[in-house]
Amino acid sequence: VAIATLLAGLLPAGASRALPEDRDQPIRITADTAIRDEKQGFTVYTGNVHMIQGSLDILADTITIFHETAQADKIVAEGKPAKMQQQPEADEPLVKARAEIIEYYKIEDRVHLRVNAQFTQDGASVTGDTIDYYITEQLVKADSGQSPDSKRVRVVIPPTLLREEK
């Protein structure tokens, strides 16, 4: 938890709030194929998948949308890597994320990055085995994993951001 607090302070102010109208925008997806399973409650899009919802933009090899309710409850993007970007506020730089697996949990307003995860904004970056991006709380939490071959969490802060903090 201490690392999460540290990381939240290192990223620019407003780094984790998406434009409020993003959630109200329709989801638009292009892909090579789409399969919807009504009984199981999910749709799988494969092949050069591009998903846009407001300023949220995801590129992946596969995107699975789980819809236990009428809306998309959980979105899982997979790729080598899958990429995501979003405009946090009209006057803020883009938030960019990449990982082999990107999971978005709508109810929690959380993005979970797994396997070779990286989160960047305005030159500052965080890398780790997993990264949780709590949109509403403006919090980024990175973890290096528990296995012996796990890489450590890495944070890079450009000098310009350090000067702005003072």
Protein backbone atom coordinates (compact mmCIF):
# COMPACT_ATOMS: atom_id res chain seq x y z
CA VAL A 1 0.00 0.00 0.00
CA ALA A 2 2.90 2.39 0.68
CA ILE A 3 4.12 1.97 -2.89
CA ALA A 4 0.63 2.89 -4.14
CA THR A 5 0.68 6.14 -2.20
CA LEU A 6 4.18 6.87 -3.44
CA LEU A 7 3.20 6.26 -7.06
CA ALA A 8 0.09 8.42 -6.79
CA GLY A 9 2.27 11.35 -5.74
CA LEU A 10 4.76 10.81 -8.55
CA LEU A 11 2.30 10.99 -11.41
CA PRO A 12 0.94 14.36 -12.55
CA ALA A 13 -2.14 15.73 -10.81
CA GLY A 14 -5.34 14.33 -12.28
CA ALA A 15 -3.48 11.35 -13.72
CA SER A 16 -6.25 8.92 -13.02
CA ARG A 17 -9.53 10.66 -13.78
CA ALA A 18 -11.05 10.00 -17.17
CA LEU A 19 -13.22 12.55 -18.88
CA PRO A 20 -16.59 12.28 -17.13
CA GLU A 21 -18.45 11.85 -20.41
CA ASP A 22 -16.40 8.76 -21.42
CA ARG A 23 -18.59 6.38 -19.40
CA ASP A 24 -21.71 7.74 -21.11
CA GLN A 25 -20.37 7.23 -24.63
CA PRO A 26 -21.21 4.19 -26.76
CA ILE A 27 -18.54 1.48 -27.16
CA ARG A 28 -17.40 1.17 -30.78
CA ILE A 29 -15.42 -1.92 -31.83
CA THR A 30 -13.84 -3.06 -35.06
CA ALA A 31 -12.34 -6.56 -35.40
CA ASP A 32 -11.80 -9.36 -37.87
CA THR A 33 -14.34 -11.60 -36.10
CA ALA A 34 -16.91 -11.38 -33.31
CA ILE A 35 -18.66 -14.19 -31.44
CA ARG A 36 -21.45 -13.46 -28.94
CA ASP A 37 -22.49 -16.11 -26.44
CA GLU A 38 -25.83 -15.08 -24.91
CA LYS A 39 -25.98 -18.02 -22.50
CA GLN A 40 -22.53 -17.39 -21.03
CA GLY A 41 -22.89 -13.59 -21.20
CA PHE A 42 -19.86 -12.52 -23.22
CA THR A 43 -18.70 -11.42 -26.66
CA VAL A 44 -15.21 -12.16 -28.02
CA TYR A 45 -13.65 -9.95 -30.69
CA THR A 46 -10.48 -11.22 -32.39
CA GLY A 47 -7.99 -10.00 -34.95
CA ASN A 48 -6.78 -6.37 -35.04
CA VAL A 49 -9.32 -5.28 -32.45
CA HIS A 50 -9.84 -1.54 -31.93
CA MET A 51 -12.23 -0.35 -29.23
CA ILE A 52 -13.17 3.28 -28.59
CA GLN A 53 -15.42 4.72 -25.88
CA GLY A 54 -15.13 8.50 -25.69
CA SER A 55 -11.42 9.21 -25.14
CA LEU A 56 -10.72 5.58 -24.12
CA ASP A 57 -8.88 3.85 -26.97
CA ILE A 58 -7.78 0.18 -26.82
CA LEU A 59 -5.84 -1.83 -29.39
CA ALA A 60 -5.51 -5.61 -28.89
CA ASP A 61 -5.39 -9.00 -30.55
CA THR A 62 -8.49 -10.10 -28.61
CA ILE A 63 -11.09 -8.23 -26.55
CA THR A 64 -13.69 -10.07 -24.49
CA ILE A 65 -16.63 -8.12 -23.14
CA PHE A 66 -18.52 -9.73 -20.25
CA HIS A 67 -22.08 -8.47 -19.93
CA GLU A 68 -23.84 -10.01 -16.96
CA THR A 69 -26.07 -6.93 -17.04
CA ALA A 70 -27.17 -4.90 -20.06
CA GLN A 71 -23.87 -3.01 -19.93
CA ALA A 72 -20.25 -4.12 -20.29
CA ASP A 73 -19.35 -5.20 -16.73
CA LYS A 74 -15.80 -6.32 -17.49
CA ILE A 75 -13.59 -5.85 -20.55
CA VAL A 76 -10.45 -7.96 -21.08
CA ALA A 77 -7.98 -6.97 -23.80
CA GLU A 78 -5.13 -9.34 -24.70
CA GLY A 79 -2.16 -8.76 -26.99
CA LYS A 80 1.59 -8.70 -27.33
CA PRO A 81 1.07 -6.10 -25.91
CA ALA A 82 -2.46 -4.76 -25.69
CA LYS A 83 -2.44 -0.95 -25.57
CA MET A 84 -4.76 1.54 -23.94
CA GLN A 85 -4.87 5.32 -23.79
CA GLN A 86 -7.31 7.79 -22.28
CA GLN A 87 -7.64 11.55 -21.87
CA PRO A 88 -7.96 12.15 -18.09
CA GLU A 89 -9.10 15.77 -18.33
CA ALA A 90 -9.40 18.19 -21.24
CA ASP A 91 -6.17 20.00 -20.26
CA GLU A 92 -4.17 16.93 -19.10
CA PRO A 93 -1.75 14.77 -21.12
CA LEU A 94 -2.88 11.30 -22.22
CA VAL A 95 -2.64 8.35 -19.84
CA LYS A 96 -1.13 5.38 -21.68
CA ALA A 97 -0.99 1.77 -20.55
CA ARG A 98 0.28 -1.44 -22.07
CA ALA A 99 0.38 -5.05 -20.93
CA GLU A 100 -0.24 -8.50 -22.30
CA ILE A 101 -3.58 -8.47 -20.42
CA ILE A 102 -5.61 -5.33 -19.67
CA GLU A 103 -8.75 -5.82 -17.58
CA TYR A 104 -11.28 -3.04 -17.02
CA TYR A 105 -13.78 -3.49 -14.18
CA LYS A 106 -16.59 -1.00 -14.71
CA ILE A 107 -18.24 -1.26 -11.28
CA GLU A 108 -14.91 -0.73 -9.49
CA ASP A 109 -13.77 1.87 -12.04
CA ARG A 110 -10.43 0.04 -12.10
CA VAL A 111 -7.99 -1.04 -14.79
CA HIS A 112 -5.79 -4.05 -13.97
CA LEU A 113 -2.65 -4.52 -16.10
CA ARG A 114 -0.97 -7.95 -16.03
CA VAL A 115 2.25 -9.31 -17.53
CA ASN A 116 4.86 -6.75 -18.66
CA ALA A 117 2.69 -3.89 -17.41
CA GLN A 118 3.52 -0.24 -18.02
CA PHE A 119 1.60 2.94 -17.14
CA THR A 120 2.77 6.36 -18.40
CA GLN A 121 1.67 9.99 -18.39
CA ASP A 122 3.53 13.16 -19.27
CA GLY A 123 6.94 11.45 -19.26
CA ALA A 124 6.45 9.69 -15.89
CA SER A 125 6.21 5.91 -16.04
CA VAL A 126 5.61 2.91 -13.79
CA THR A 127 6.41 -0.68 -14.79
CA GLY A 128 5.81 -3.94 -12.93
CA ASP A 129 4.32 -7.41 -13.15
CA THR A 130 0.91 -5.97 -12.32
CA ILE A 131 -0.45 -2.44 -12.09
CA ASP A 132 -3.85 -1.38 -10.81
CA TYR A 133 -5.14 1.98 -12.01
CA TYR A 134 -7.99 3.17 -9.75
CA ILE A 135 -9.67 5.82 -11.87
CA THR A 136 -11.93 7.45 -9.27
CA GLU A 137 -9.36 7.45 -6.44
CA GLN A 138 -6.56 8.78 -8.69
CA LEU A 139 -4.35 5.93 -7.52
CA VAL A 140 -1.78 3.74 -9.26
CA LYS A 141 -0.55 0.62 -7.47
CA ALA A 142 2.27 -1.49 -8.94
CA ASP A 143 3.50 -4.91 -7.81
CA SER A 144 6.59 -6.87 -8.76
CA GLY A 145 4.97 -10.25 -8.21
CA GLN A 146 5.87 -13.02 -5.81
CA SER A 147 7.91 -15.40 -7.96
CA PRO A 148 11.75 -15.43 -7.79
CA ASP A 149 12.06 -14.39 -11.45
CA SER A 150 9.77 -11.36 -11.03
CA LYS A 151 11.17 -7.98 -11.96
CA ARG A 152 11.08 -5.15 -9.47
CA VAL A 153 8.69 -2.20 -9.81
CA ARG A 154 10.36 0.65 -11.70
CA VAL A 155 9.32 4.30 -11.57
CA VAL A 156 10.74 6.99 -13.85
CA ILE A 157 10.04 10.65 -13.11
CA PRO A 158 11.30 13.25 -15.57
CA PRO A 159 13.14 16.24 -14.03
CA THR A 160 10.47 18.64 -15.31
CA LEU A 161 7.81 16.94 -13.14
CA LEU A 162 10.08 17.09 -10.10
CA ARG A 163 10.54 20.82 -10.60
CA GLU A 164 6.75 21.31 -10.94
CA GLU A 165 6.19 19.54 -7.58
CA LYS A 166 8.36 22.13 -5.78
